[in-house]
Every structure is written in structure tokens, then in C-alpha cells.
């Protein structure tokens, strides 16, 4: 592959030549919003939904930007082509720039999709319970912003314990999400995920899984709070994220989930997810545009 190239403020250039002002508010204060997406066969899965969510956060924060959905979609295509990538992890980052700059900052990067361990999907992963809490007092919860330090620290804590992710709960012990993923439980054959106003991120794959449950004839609810007791009583559990897809959870701390292996409902949803990705990101003549 040629030297990595990025999109910065309307131009595609070598990553080593891309520079930001030292006074950029995204760098100094974490004043930024971003979205991370998966490209499959050169097509970003549900790019329109990612962009709609991104601009929802821009409006919430009142962030200055000159980016539009059209300019970002074009930029994503340009950076994928410049890096000759078909299977990729794509990220858009927007910041208001700095007070002495004429324009805000728009950065788009694309990297080869990581080679995630096969065991994540075949045998499942273990998670810890984060010491951090997901509260309702901050406007940042439920949105992707540059203020992710606590999530990075929680992930480091999980890794130090030999686990792959950490579950976040609210101060009153309602299940929220993982550091960088949405979470689902299976209880009495019903698929459950915390409601958006917990608050949790409006995940693109979360949304797709809810749709897939309907197609598979599975009952799926996202309208009621879930407790830590329900998490520990779950027959199955799994995490969803744009790039890593669907990962079965087989242990929470030292507590086994179900039979401590990916369960039948999780496997059905994983297979349906792979099919959906192929349909929506296949060649144009094969793609389902509905």
C-alpha cells in the first residue's frame, strides 16, 4: 500500500504532512465529535446514518463546522480510494478549530480493518464491571465526543484483568453500555438492550440488530431499564460495534454467562449480521437499497 493518506479540510494528503494548530479546541479541550465506521468491499455500512448521528451531536454541542453530509461522503470516498482500501476502519473527526483560525477542522482517516481474534467470535469474550458510572448529568453521555479518557482508562483496567471490555452501569445500577460498544442481553429467549435515554450511544449496529431481530422473529426490547441482576442472570450476552461487529460475552468478571459459550440466539444474530453487511455493502448490482 502507498503511504497512508488522510483527508484534512478538503484536501487528501500524506498523513505526515497533515497538521493542526496547537490552539485547536479539539486538541486542547476535547471539543470534538467523531464517528467510526466500517467499510466492507469499499462501501461504508450505513454511511448516511453515521453522518446523521454526527450532525446531531454537532447541533447538540453548538459546534462550529463547515462540513456537510455531501462533503463528508465525498471525503470518505476519496480517502478510501487514496489508500486503496476495501476493508477498512474509517473515522471522521470534527472540531471547531481555534479562535484564530479561519475555518474549523475536518479530518477523515482510513486504516485497514484490524484482524480481530477469531476466538472473540467463536469462543466469546470476558468483560469486567467498570468502576466508572454512566450518569445523566453530562450532555456528552450518549454521544461520541473527544472526551473519552475515562473509557480508555476503563478499557485499560479490563485488559489488566485479562478481559476485553468493561461494562458501564448508572449510579443506581442500571446497565448502560461497554466502553466502546452497545450491550445486549438474552433473558427467557427475549433480546434486551438498554433504552437510549439511559443514556447510551445510538449505535448503528445496535439499530441494525434490533431490525434483524424483527426479521428473525425474535422478540427484542429497548424500552425498559436493565439491572445488574439481569445482566448476571442473562442466558446470553453480546456487544455490538461498527468495526468489531457482534461479539458474544461469555463471562462477566468471574461469573459465567449461560453455558460460557456463544449461545444459539447470539449465533443466529451474528449470521444475520454478516448477511446484512454483505447485502448492503456488496457490488452495486447486488446491493439492497431498501
C-alpha atoms as a PDB file:
ATOM      1  CA  UNK A   1       0.000   0.000   0.000  1.00  0.00           C
ATOM      2  CA  UNK A   2       1.177   3.539  -0.709  1.00  0.00           C
ATOM      3  CA  UNK A   3       1.977   5.953   2.112  1.00  0.00           C
ATOM      4  CA  UNK A   4      -1.062   6.464   4.360  1.00  0.00           C
ATOM      5  CA  UNK A   5      -3.117   9.433   3.258  1.00  0.00           C
ATOM      6  CA  UNK A   6      -5.755  11.398   5.144  1.00  0.00           C
ATOM      7  CA  UNK A   7      -8.407  13.974   4.327  1.00  0.00           C
ATOM      8  CA  UNK A   8      -7.891  17.300   6.106  1.00  0.00           C
ATOM      9  CA  UNK A   9     -10.068  20.318   5.420  1.00  0.00           C
ATOM     10  CA  UNK A  10     -10.891  19.451   1.847  1.00  0.00           C
ATOM     11  CA  UNK A  11      -7.532  18.013   0.773  1.00  0.00           C
ATOM     12  CA  UNK A  12      -6.197  14.447   0.643  1.00  0.00           C
ATOM     13  CA  UNK A  13      -2.535  14.437   1.612  1.00  0.00           C
ATOM     14  CA  UNK A  14       0.129  12.203   3.193  1.00  0.00           C
ATOM     15  CA  UNK A  15      -0.535  11.724   6.899  1.00  0.00           C
ATOM     16  CA  UNK A  16       2.914  13.066   7.735  1.00  0.00           C
ATOM     17  CA  UNK A  17       2.019  16.388   6.129  1.00  0.00           C
ATOM     18  CA  UNK A  18      -1.309  16.830   7.916  1.00  0.00           C
ATOM     19  CA  UNK A  19      -1.034  19.433  10.684  1.00  0.00           C
ATOM     20  CA  UNK A  20      -3.362  21.049  13.199  1.00  0.00           C
ATOM     21  CA  UNK A  21      -2.904  24.328  15.014  1.00  0.00           C
ATOM     22  CA  UNK A  22      -1.656  23.927  18.581  1.00  0.00           C
ATOM     23  CA  UNK A  23      -4.610  26.079  19.635  1.00  0.00           C
ATOM     24  CA  UNK A  24      -7.216  23.770  18.056  1.00  0.00           C
ATOM     25  CA  UNK A  25     -10.011  23.348  20.633  1.00  0.00           C
ATOM     26  CA  UNK A  26     -10.284  19.662  19.816  1.00  0.00           C
ATOM     27  CA  UNK A  27      -6.664  19.146  20.841  1.00  0.00           C
ATOM     28  CA  UNK A  28      -6.704  21.469  23.857  1.00  0.00           C
ATOM     29  CA  UNK A  29     -10.135  20.742  25.311  1.00  0.00           C
ATOM     30  CA  UNK A  30     -11.510  17.613  23.663  1.00  0.00           C
ATOM     31  CA  UNK A  31     -14.034  19.833  21.879  1.00  0.00           C
ATOM     32  CA  UNK A  32     -14.721  17.443  19.042  1.00  0.00           C
ATOM     33  CA  UNK A  33     -17.163  14.881  17.784  1.00  0.00           C
ATOM     34  CA  UNK A  34     -16.422  11.826  15.703  1.00  0.00           C
ATOM     35  CA  UNK A  35     -17.835   8.685  14.186  1.00  0.00           C
ATOM     36  CA  UNK A  36     -16.043   5.425  13.423  1.00  0.00           C
ATOM     37  CA  UNK A  37     -17.349   3.344  10.542  1.00  0.00           C
ATOM     38  CA  UNK A  38     -16.717   0.073   8.791  1.00  0.00           C
ATOM     39  CA  UNK A  39     -16.042  -0.124   5.072  1.00  0.00           C
ATOM     40  CA  UNK A  40     -16.742  -3.512   3.507  1.00  0.00           C
ATOM     41  CA  UNK A  41     -15.918  -4.094  -0.159  1.00  0.00           C
ATOM     42  CA  UNK A  42     -15.136  -0.387  -0.371  1.00  0.00           C
ATOM     43  CA  UNK A  43     -18.614   0.661   0.856  1.00  0.00           C
ATOM     44  CA  UNK A  44     -19.181   2.195   4.296  1.00  0.00           C
ATOM     45  CA  UNK A  45     -22.006   0.444   6.122  1.00  0.00           C
ATOM     46  CA  UNK A  46     -24.882   2.892   6.578  1.00  0.00           C
ATOM     47  CA  UNK A  47     -22.809   5.996   5.959  1.00  0.00           C
ATOM     48  CA  UNK A  48     -25.947   8.132   5.920  1.00  0.00           C
ATOM     49  CA  UNK A  49     -26.906   7.033   9.442  1.00  0.00           C
ATOM     50  CA  UNK A  50     -23.403   7.743  10.719  1.00  0.00           C
ATOM     51  CA  UNK A  51     -23.497  11.240   9.247  1.00  0.00           C
ATOM     52  CA  UNK A  52     -26.977  11.958  10.601  1.00  0.00           C
ATOM     53  CA  UNK A  53     -25.838  10.981  14.096  1.00  0.00           C
ATOM     54  CA  UNK A  54     -22.640  13.005  13.745  1.00  0.00           C
ATOM     55  CA  UNK A  55     -24.510  16.171  12.816  1.00  0.00           C
ATOM     56  CA  UNK A  56     -26.984  15.541  15.619  1.00  0.00           C
ATOM     57  CA  UNK A  57     -24.066  15.846  18.041  1.00  0.00           C
ATOM     58  CA  UNK A  58     -22.782  18.938  16.213  1.00  0.00           C
ATOM     59  CA  UNK A  59     -26.156  20.604  16.775  1.00  0.00           C
ATOM     60  CA  UNK A  60     -26.335  19.465  20.407  1.00  0.00           C
ATOM     61  CA  UNK A  61     -22.934  20.960  21.190  1.00  0.00           C
ATOM     62  CA  UNK A  62     -23.428  24.047  19.018  1.00  0.00           C
ATOM     63  CA  UNK A  63     -20.122  23.190  17.341  1.00  0.00           C
ATOM     64  CA  UNK A  64     -18.807  25.301  14.505  1.00  0.00           C
ATOM     65  CA  UNK A  65     -18.235  23.298  11.325  1.00  0.00           C
ATOM     66  CA  UNK A  66     -18.240  23.919   7.602  1.00  0.00           C
ATOM     67  CA  UNK A  67     -18.623  20.217   6.791  1.00  0.00           C
ATOM     68  CA  UNK A  68     -21.791  18.936   5.165  1.00  0.00           C
ATOM     69  CA  UNK A  69     -23.083  15.416   4.698  1.00  0.00           C
ATOM     70  CA  UNK A  70     -22.240  15.680   0.998  1.00  0.00           C
ATOM     71  CA  UNK A  71     -18.673  16.901   1.585  1.00  0.00           C
ATOM     72  CA  UNK A  72     -18.017  14.203   4.179  1.00  0.00           C
ATOM     73  CA  UNK A  73     -19.415  11.426   1.990  1.00  0.00           C
ATOM     74  CA  UNK A  74     -17.158  12.599  -0.849  1.00  0.00           C
ATOM     75  CA  UNK A  75     -14.183  12.849   1.509  1.00  0.00           C
ATOM     76  CA  UNK A  76     -14.730   9.302   2.779  1.00  0.00           C
ATOM     77  CA  UNK A  77     -14.728   8.015  -0.797  1.00  0.00           C
ATOM     78  CA  UNK A  78     -11.590   9.992  -1.608  1.00  0.00           C
ATOM     79  CA  UNK A  79      -9.609   8.747   1.388  1.00  0.00           C
ATOM     80  CA  UNK A  80     -10.619   5.116   0.814  1.00  0.00           C
ATOM     81  CA  UNK A  81      -9.513   5.382  -2.814  1.00  0.00           C
ATOM     82  CA  UNK A  82      -6.278   7.179  -1.925  1.00  0.00           C
ATOM     83  CA  UNK A  83      -5.353   4.388   0.496  1.00  0.00           C
ATOM     84  CA  UNK A  84      -6.588   1.632  -1.843  1.00  0.00           C
ATOM     85  CA  UNK A  85      -8.716   0.133   0.911  1.00  0.00           C
ATOM     86  CA  UNK A  86     -11.775  -2.083   0.589  1.00  0.00           C
ATOM     87  CA  UNK A  87     -11.925  -3.458   4.167  1.00  0.00           C
ATOM     88  CA  UNK A  88     -11.284  -0.505   6.420  1.00  0.00           C
ATOM     89  CA  UNK A  89     -11.854   1.333   9.667  1.00  0.00           C
ATOM     90  CA  UNK A  90     -12.890   4.866   8.733  1.00  0.00           C
ATOM     91  CA  UNK A  91     -13.116   7.765  11.168  1.00  0.00           C
ATOM     92  CA  UNK A  92     -14.466  11.284  10.729  1.00  0.00           C
ATOM     93  CA  UNK A  93     -13.444  13.859  13.356  1.00  0.00           C
ATOM     94  CA  UNK A  94     -14.863  17.385  13.511  1.00  0.00           C
ATOM     95  CA  UNK A  95     -13.589  20.171  15.763  1.00  0.00           C
ATOM     96  CA  UNK A  96     -14.418  23.895  15.881  1.00  0.00           C
ATOM     97  CA  UNK A  97     -10.757  24.639  15.177  1.00  0.00           C
ATOM     98  CA  UNK A  98      -9.174  27.522  17.047  1.00  0.00           C
ATOM     99  CA  UNK A  99     -10.274  31.091  17.704  1.00  0.00           C
ATOM    100  CA  UNK A 100      -7.550  32.460  15.423  1.00  0.00           C
ATOM    101  CA  UNK A 101      -8.333  30.082  12.535  1.00  0.00           C
ATOM    102  CA  UNK A 102     -10.472  30.970   9.541  1.00  0.00           C
ATOM    103  CA  UNK A 103     -12.138  27.578   9.482  1.00  0.00           C
ATOM    104  CA  UNK A 104     -12.950  24.624  11.719  1.00  0.00           C
ATOM    105  CA  UNK A 105     -11.221  21.265  11.377  1.00  0.00           C
ATOM    106  CA  UNK A 106     -12.450  18.263   9.395  1.00  0.00           C
ATOM    107  CA  UNK A 107     -10.294  15.127   9.473  1.00  0.00           C
ATOM    108  CA  UNK A 108     -11.074  11.787   7.822  1.00  0.00           C
ATOM    109  CA  UNK A 109      -8.804   8.778   8.215  1.00  0.00           C
ATOM    110  CA  UNK A 110      -8.975   5.242   6.845  1.00  0.00           C
ATOM    111  CA  UNK A 111      -6.911   2.281   8.009  1.00  0.00           C
ATOM    112  CA  UNK A 112      -7.018  -1.425   7.204  1.00  0.00           C
ATOM    113  CA  UNK A 113      -9.698  -3.161   9.233  1.00  0.00           C
ATOM    114  CA  UNK A 114      -7.966  -4.772  12.235  1.00  0.00           C
ATOM    115  CA  UNK A 115      -7.608  -8.545  12.222  1.00  0.00           C
ATOM    116  CA  UNK A 116      -9.792  -9.232  15.233  1.00  0.00           C
ATOM    117  CA  UNK A 117      -9.074 -12.516  17.059  1.00  0.00           C
ATOM    118  CA  UNK A 118     -11.201 -15.393  15.783  1.00  0.00           C
ATOM    119  CA  UNK A 119     -11.710 -16.509  19.399  1.00  0.00           C
ATOM    120  CA  UNK A 120     -13.761 -13.368  20.059  1.00  0.00           C
ATOM    121  CA  UNK A 121     -16.457 -14.726  17.789  1.00  0.00           C
ATOM    122  CA  UNK A 122     -16.000 -18.484  18.147  1.00  0.00           C
ATOM    123  CA  UNK A 123     -15.471 -18.711  21.914  1.00  0.00           C
ATOM    124  CA  UNK A 124     -16.651 -15.326  23.204  1.00  0.00           C
ATOM    125  CA  UNK A 125     -15.067 -12.629  25.349  1.00  0.00           C
ATOM    126  CA  UNK A 126     -14.855 -11.744  29.033  1.00  0.00           C
ATOM    127  CA  UNK A 127     -15.779  -8.346  30.457  1.00  0.00           C
ATOM    128  CA  UNK A 128     -15.351  -6.568  33.775  1.00  0.00           C
ATOM    129  CA  UNK A 129     -17.667  -4.117  35.518  1.00  0.00           C
ATOM    130  CA  UNK A 130     -16.213  -0.622  35.273  1.00  0.00           C
ATOM    131  CA  UNK A 131     -15.740   1.437  38.402  1.00  0.00           C
ATOM    132  CA  UNK A 132     -16.871   4.464  36.388  1.00  0.00           C
ATOM    133  CA  UNK A 133     -20.565   5.350  36.207  1.00  0.00           C
ATOM    134  CA  UNK A 134     -22.753   6.471  33.327  1.00  0.00           C
ATOM    135  CA  UNK A 135     -24.727   9.444  34.610  1.00  0.00           C
ATOM    136  CA  UNK A 136     -27.376  11.717  33.146  1.00  0.00           C
ATOM    137  CA  UNK A 137     -25.799  14.989  34.272  1.00  0.00           C
ATOM    138  CA  UNK A 138     -23.433  15.379  31.331  1.00  0.00           C
ATOM    139  CA  UNK A 139     -24.611  16.203  27.792  1.00  0.00           C
ATOM    140  CA  UNK A 140     -21.704  14.098  26.494  1.00  0.00           C
ATOM    141  CA  UNK A 141     -23.090  10.699  27.532  1.00  0.00           C
ATOM    142  CA  UNK A 142     -24.840   9.036  24.630  1.00  0.00           C
ATOM    143  CA  UNK A 143     -22.680  10.907  22.094  1.00  0.00           C
ATOM    144  CA  UNK A 144     -19.282  10.410  20.514  1.00  0.00           C
ATOM    145  CA  UNK A 145     -17.005  13.254  21.570  1.00  0.00           C
ATOM    146  CA  UNK A 146     -13.282  13.702  22.106  1.00  0.00           C
ATOM    147  CA  UNK A 147     -13.736  13.295  25.875  1.00  0.00           C
ATOM    148  CA  UNK A 148     -13.078   9.543  26.014  1.00  0.00           C
ATOM    149  CA  UNK A 149     -10.311   9.368  28.622  1.00  0.00           C
ATOM    150  CA  UNK A 150     -12.436   7.620  31.262  1.00  0.00           C
ATOM    151  CA  UNK A 151     -13.430   4.990  28.689  1.00  0.00           C
ATOM    152  CA  UNK A 152      -9.813   4.429  27.745  1.00  0.00           C
ATOM    153  CA  UNK A 153      -8.910   4.013  31.425  1.00  0.00           C
ATOM    154  CA  UNK A 154     -11.745   1.527  31.927  1.00  0.00           C
ATOM    155  CA  UNK A 155     -10.570  -0.457  28.900  1.00  0.00           C
ATOM    156  CA  UNK A 156      -7.045  -0.495  30.325  1.00  0.00           C
ATOM    157  CA  UNK A 157      -8.433  -1.796  33.614  1.00  0.00           C
ATOM    158  CA  UNK A 158     -10.215  -4.574  31.736  1.00  0.00           C
ATOM    159  CA  UNK A 159      -7.044  -5.514  29.860  1.00  0.00           C
ATOM    160  CA  UNK A 160      -5.070  -5.608  33.106  1.00  0.00           C
ATOM    161  CA  UNK A 161      -7.568  -8.217  34.360  1.00  0.00           C
ATOM    162  CA  UNK A 162      -7.282 -10.262  31.169  1.00  0.00           C
ATOM    163  CA  UNK A 163     -10.645  -9.106  29.818  1.00  0.00           C
ATOM    164  CA  UNK A 164     -11.616  -7.481  26.538  1.00  0.00           C
ATOM    165  CA  UNK A 165     -14.158  -4.852  27.592  1.00  0.00           C
ATOM    166  CA  UNK A 166     -15.793  -3.180  30.597  1.00  0.00           C
ATOM    167  CA  UNK A 167     -19.500  -2.763  31.285  1.00  0.00           C
ATOM    168  CA  UNK A 168     -20.752   0.607  32.493  1.00  0.00           C
ATOM    169  CA  UNK A 169     -23.661   0.998  34.896  1.00  0.00           C
ATOM    170  CA  UNK A 170     -25.511   4.075  36.109  1.00  0.00           C
ATOM    171  CA  UNK A 171     -25.186   5.246  39.727  1.00  0.00           C
ATOM    172  CA  UNK A 172     -28.422   3.363  40.512  1.00  0.00           C
ATOM    173  CA  UNK A 173     -27.028   0.150  38.946  1.00  0.00           C
ATOM    174  CA  UNK A 174     -28.859   0.180  35.628  1.00  0.00           C
ATOM    175  CA  UNK A 175     -26.935  -1.405  32.759  1.00  0.00           C
ATOM    176  CA  UNK A 176     -25.750   1.146  30.193  1.00  0.00           C
ATOM    177  CA  UNK A 177     -23.112   0.061  27.685  1.00  0.00           C
ATOM    178  CA  UNK A 178     -19.489  -1.012  27.329  1.00  0.00           C
ATOM    179  CA  UNK A 179     -16.578   1.399  26.820  1.00  0.00           C
ATOM    180  CA  UNK A 180     -16.885   1.474  23.043  1.00  0.00           C
ATOM    181  CA  UNK A 181     -19.856  -0.833  22.404  1.00  0.00           C
ATOM    182  CA  UNK A 182     -23.556  -1.274  22.958  1.00  0.00           C
ATOM    183  CA  UNK A 183     -24.646  -4.276  25.016  1.00  0.00           C
ATOM    184  CA  UNK A 184     -27.466  -6.805  24.571  1.00  0.00           C
ATOM    185  CA  UNK A 185     -28.775  -9.494  26.921  1.00  0.00           C
ATOM    186  CA  UNK A 186     -30.906 -12.562  26.230  1.00  0.00           C
ATOM    187  CA  UNK A 187     -33.350 -13.386  29.036  1.00  0.00           C
ATOM    188  CA  UNK A 188     -36.045 -16.073  28.709  1.00  0.00           C
ATOM    189  CA  UNK A 189     -35.430 -16.085  24.969  1.00  0.00           C
ATOM    190  CA  UNK A 190     -36.042 -12.336  24.647  1.00  0.00           C
ATOM    191  CA  UNK A 191     -33.343  -9.972  23.341  1.00  0.00           C
ATOM    192  CA  UNK A 192     -32.953  -6.863  25.507  1.00  0.00           C
ATOM    193  CA  UNK A 193     -30.801  -3.734  25.246  1.00  0.00           C
ATOM    194  CA  UNK A 194     -30.757  -0.615  27.445  1.00  0.00           C
ATOM    195  CA  UNK A 195     -33.005   2.234  26.260  1.00  0.00           C
ATOM    196  CA  UNK A 196     -31.447   5.260  24.576  1.00  0.00           C
ATOM    197  CA  UNK A 197     -32.326   7.560  27.484  1.00  0.00           C
ATOM    198  CA  UNK A 198     -30.259   5.510  29.972  1.00  0.00           C
ATOM    199  CA  UNK A 199     -28.286   7.264  28.282  1.00  0.00           C
ATOM    200  CA  UNK A 200     -26.433   5.119  25.744  1.00  0.00           C
ATOM    201  CA  UNK A 201     -24.997   5.721  22.304  1.00  0.00           C
ATOM    202  CA  UNK A 202     -27.431   5.380  19.417  1.00  0.00           C
ATOM    203  CA  UNK A 203     -25.224   2.701  17.858  1.00  0.00           C
ATOM    204  CA  UNK A 204     -25.543   1.973  14.158  1.00  0.00           C
ATOM    205  CA  UNK A 205     -25.043  -1.779  14.682  1.00  0.00           C
ATOM    206  CA  UNK A 206     -27.327  -1.611  17.732  1.00  0.00           C
ATOM    207  CA  UNK A 207     -30.039  -0.299  15.451  1.00  0.00           C
ATOM    208  CA  UNK A 208     -29.280  -2.967  12.838  1.00  0.00           C
ATOM    209  CA  UNK A 209     -29.528  -5.763  15.433  1.00  0.00           C
ATOM    210  CA  UNK A 210     -32.956  -4.536  16.545  1.00  0.00           C
ATOM    211  CA  UNK A 211     -34.049  -4.651  12.891  1.00  0.00           C
ATOM    212  CA  UNK A 212     -32.558  -8.117  12.413  1.00  0.00           C
ATOM    213  CA  UNK A 213     -34.388  -9.474  15.456  1.00  0.00           C
ATOM    214  CA  UNK A 214     -37.630  -8.437  13.781  1.00  0.00           C
ATOM    215  CA  UNK A 215     -36.630 -10.246  10.589  1.00  0.00           C
ATOM    216  CA  UNK A 216     -35.671 -13.356  12.553  1.00  0.00           C
ATOM    217  CA  UNK A 217     -38.918 -13.387  14.518  1.00  0.00           C
ATOM    218  CA  UNK A 218     -37.122 -12.697  17.800  1.00  0.00           C
ATOM    219  CA  UNK A 219     -38.661 -10.528  20.467  1.00  0.00           C
ATOM    220  CA  UNK A 220     -36.388  -7.518  21.058  1.00  0.00           C
ATOM    221  CA  UNK A 221     -36.990  -4.693  23.514  1.00  0.00           C
ATOM    222  CA  UNK A 222     -35.146  -1.437  24.106  1.00  0.00           C
ATOM    223  CA  UNK A 223     -37.842   0.279  26.179  1.00  0.00           C
ATOM    224  CA  UNK A 224     -37.058  -0.636  29.776  1.00  0.00           C
ATOM    225  CA  UNK A 225     -34.093  -0.317  32.133  1.00  0.00           C
ATOM    226  CA  UNK A 226     -31.936  -3.381  32.763  1.00  0.00           C
ATOM    227  CA  UNK A 227     -30.389  -4.113  36.145  1.00  0.00           C
ATOM    228  CA  UNK A 228     -27.080  -5.589  37.178  1.00  0.00           C
ATOM    229  CA  UNK A 229     -29.024  -8.606  38.453  1.00  0.00           C
ATOM    230  CA  UNK A 230     -30.477  -9.179  34.993  1.00  0.00           C
ATOM    231  CA  UNK A 231     -27.026  -8.906  33.456  1.00  0.00           C
ATOM    232  CA  UNK A 232     -25.788 -11.635  35.782  1.00  0.00           C
ATOM    233  CA  UNK A 233     -28.888 -13.782  35.161  1.00  0.00           C
ATOM    234  CA  UNK A 234     -28.696 -13.495  31.353  1.00  0.00           C
ATOM    235  CA  UNK A 235     -28.657 -16.692  29.316  1.00  0.00           C
ATOM    236  CA  UNK A 236     -26.623 -14.919  26.628  1.00  0.00           C
ATOM    237  CA  UNK A 237     -24.995 -11.531  26.150  1.00  0.00           C
ATOM    238  CA  UNK A 238     -23.197  -9.785  23.330  1.00  0.00           C
ATOM    239  CA  UNK A 239     -21.631  -6.456  22.393  1.00  0.00           C
ATOM    240  CA  UNK A 240     -22.087  -4.533  19.152  1.00  0.00           C
ATOM    241  CA  UNK A 241     -19.804  -2.004  17.447  1.00  0.00           C
ATOM    242  CA  UNK A 242     -19.269  -0.785  13.912  1.00  0.00           C
ATOM    243  CA  UNK A 243     -15.869  -2.327  13.260  1.00  0.00           C
ATOM    244  CA  UNK A 244     -15.754  -5.358  15.559  1.00  0.00           C
ATOM    245  CA  UNK A 245     -19.354  -6.277  14.744  1.00  0.00           C
ATOM    246  CA  UNK A 246     -21.055  -8.627  17.222  1.00  0.00           C
ATOM    247  CA  UNK A 247     -19.000 -10.250  19.987  1.00  0.00           C
ATOM    248  CA  UNK A 248     -20.534 -12.830  22.348  1.00  0.00           C
ATOM    249  CA  UNK A 249     -19.895 -12.231  26.069  1.00  0.00           C
ATOM    250  CA  UNK A 250     -19.331 -15.459  27.997  1.00  0.00           C
ATOM    251  CA  UNK A 251     -18.060 -14.112  31.348  1.00  0.00           C
ATOM    252  CA  UNK A 252     -18.765 -11.023  33.434  1.00  0.00           C
ATOM    253  CA  UNK A 253     -15.891 -10.771  35.905  1.00  0.00           C
ATOM    254  CA  UNK A 254     -15.701 -14.371  37.232  1.00  0.00           C
ATOM    255  CA  UNK A 255     -19.378 -15.033  36.584  1.00  0.00           C
ATOM    256  CA  UNK A 256     -20.171 -17.290  33.638  1.00  0.00           C
ATOM    257  CA  UNK A 257     -22.890 -16.193  31.207  1.00  0.00           C
ATOM    258  CA  UNK A 258     -25.146 -19.103  30.283  1.00  0.00           C
ATOM    259  CA  UNK A 259     -23.047 -22.078  29.229  1.00  0.00           C
ATOM    260  CA  UNK A 260     -19.958 -19.837  28.885  1.00  0.00           C
ATOM    261  CA  UNK A 261     -20.048 -20.118  25.104  1.00  0.00           C
ATOM    262  CA  UNK A 262     -21.814 -18.170  22.348  1.00  0.00           C
ATOM    263  CA  UNK A 263     -25.499 -19.013  22.646  1.00  0.00           C
ATOM    264  CA  UNK A 264     -27.901 -20.045  19.871  1.00  0.00           C
ATOM    265  CA  UNK A 265     -29.722 -16.709  19.651  1.00  0.00           C
ATOM    266  CA  UNK A 266     -26.454 -14.784  19.540  1.00  0.00           C
ATOM    267  CA  UNK A 267     -25.186 -17.063  16.782  1.00  0.00           C
ATOM    268  CA  UNK A 268     -28.359 -16.518  14.736  1.00  0.00           C
ATOM    269  CA  UNK A 269     -27.993 -12.766  15.057  1.00  0.00           C
ATOM    270  CA  UNK A 270     -24.288 -12.924  14.161  1.00  0.00           C
ATOM    271  CA  UNK A 271     -25.074 -14.869  10.991  1.00  0.00           C
ATOM    272  CA  UNK A 272     -27.847 -12.424  10.088  1.00  0.00           C
ATOM    273  CA  UNK A 273     -25.458  -9.512  10.673  1.00  0.00           C
ATOM    274  CA  UNK A 274     -22.912 -10.974   8.277  1.00  0.00           C
ATOM    275  CA  UNK A 275     -25.655 -11.368   5.691  1.00  0.00           C
ATOM    276  CA  UNK A 276     -26.826  -7.789   6.175  1.00  0.00           C
ATOM    277  CA  UNK A 277     -23.288  -6.449   5.779  1.00  0.00           C
ATOM    278  CA  UNK A 278     -22.879  -8.387   2.540  1.00  0.00           C
ATOM    279  CA  UNK A 279     -26.249  -7.198   1.196  1.00  0.00           C
ATOM    280  CA  UNK A 280     -25.753  -3.524   1.958  1.00  0.00           C
ATOM    281  CA  UNK A 281     -22.071  -3.350   1.068  1.00  0.00           C
ATOM    282  CA  UNK A 282     -21.975  -5.718  -1.895  1.00  0.00           C
ATOM    283  CA  UNK A 283     -21.388  -4.753  -5.522  1.00  0.00           C
ATOM    284  CA  UNK A 284     -23.988  -2.216  -6.790  1.00  0.00           C
ATOM    285  CA  UNK A 285     -25.830  -4.857  -8.812  1.00  0.00           C
ATOM    286  CA  UNK A 286     -26.215  -6.994  -5.659  1.00  0.00           C
ATOM    287  CA  UNK A 287     -26.838  -4.283  -3.091  1.00  0.00           C
ATOM    288  CA  UNK A 288     -30.154  -3.999  -1.288  1.00  0.00           C
ATOM    289  CA  UNK A 289     -31.073  -0.303  -1.414  1.00  0.00           C
ATOM    290  CA  UNK A 290     -34.329  -0.611   0.503  1.00  0.00           C
END
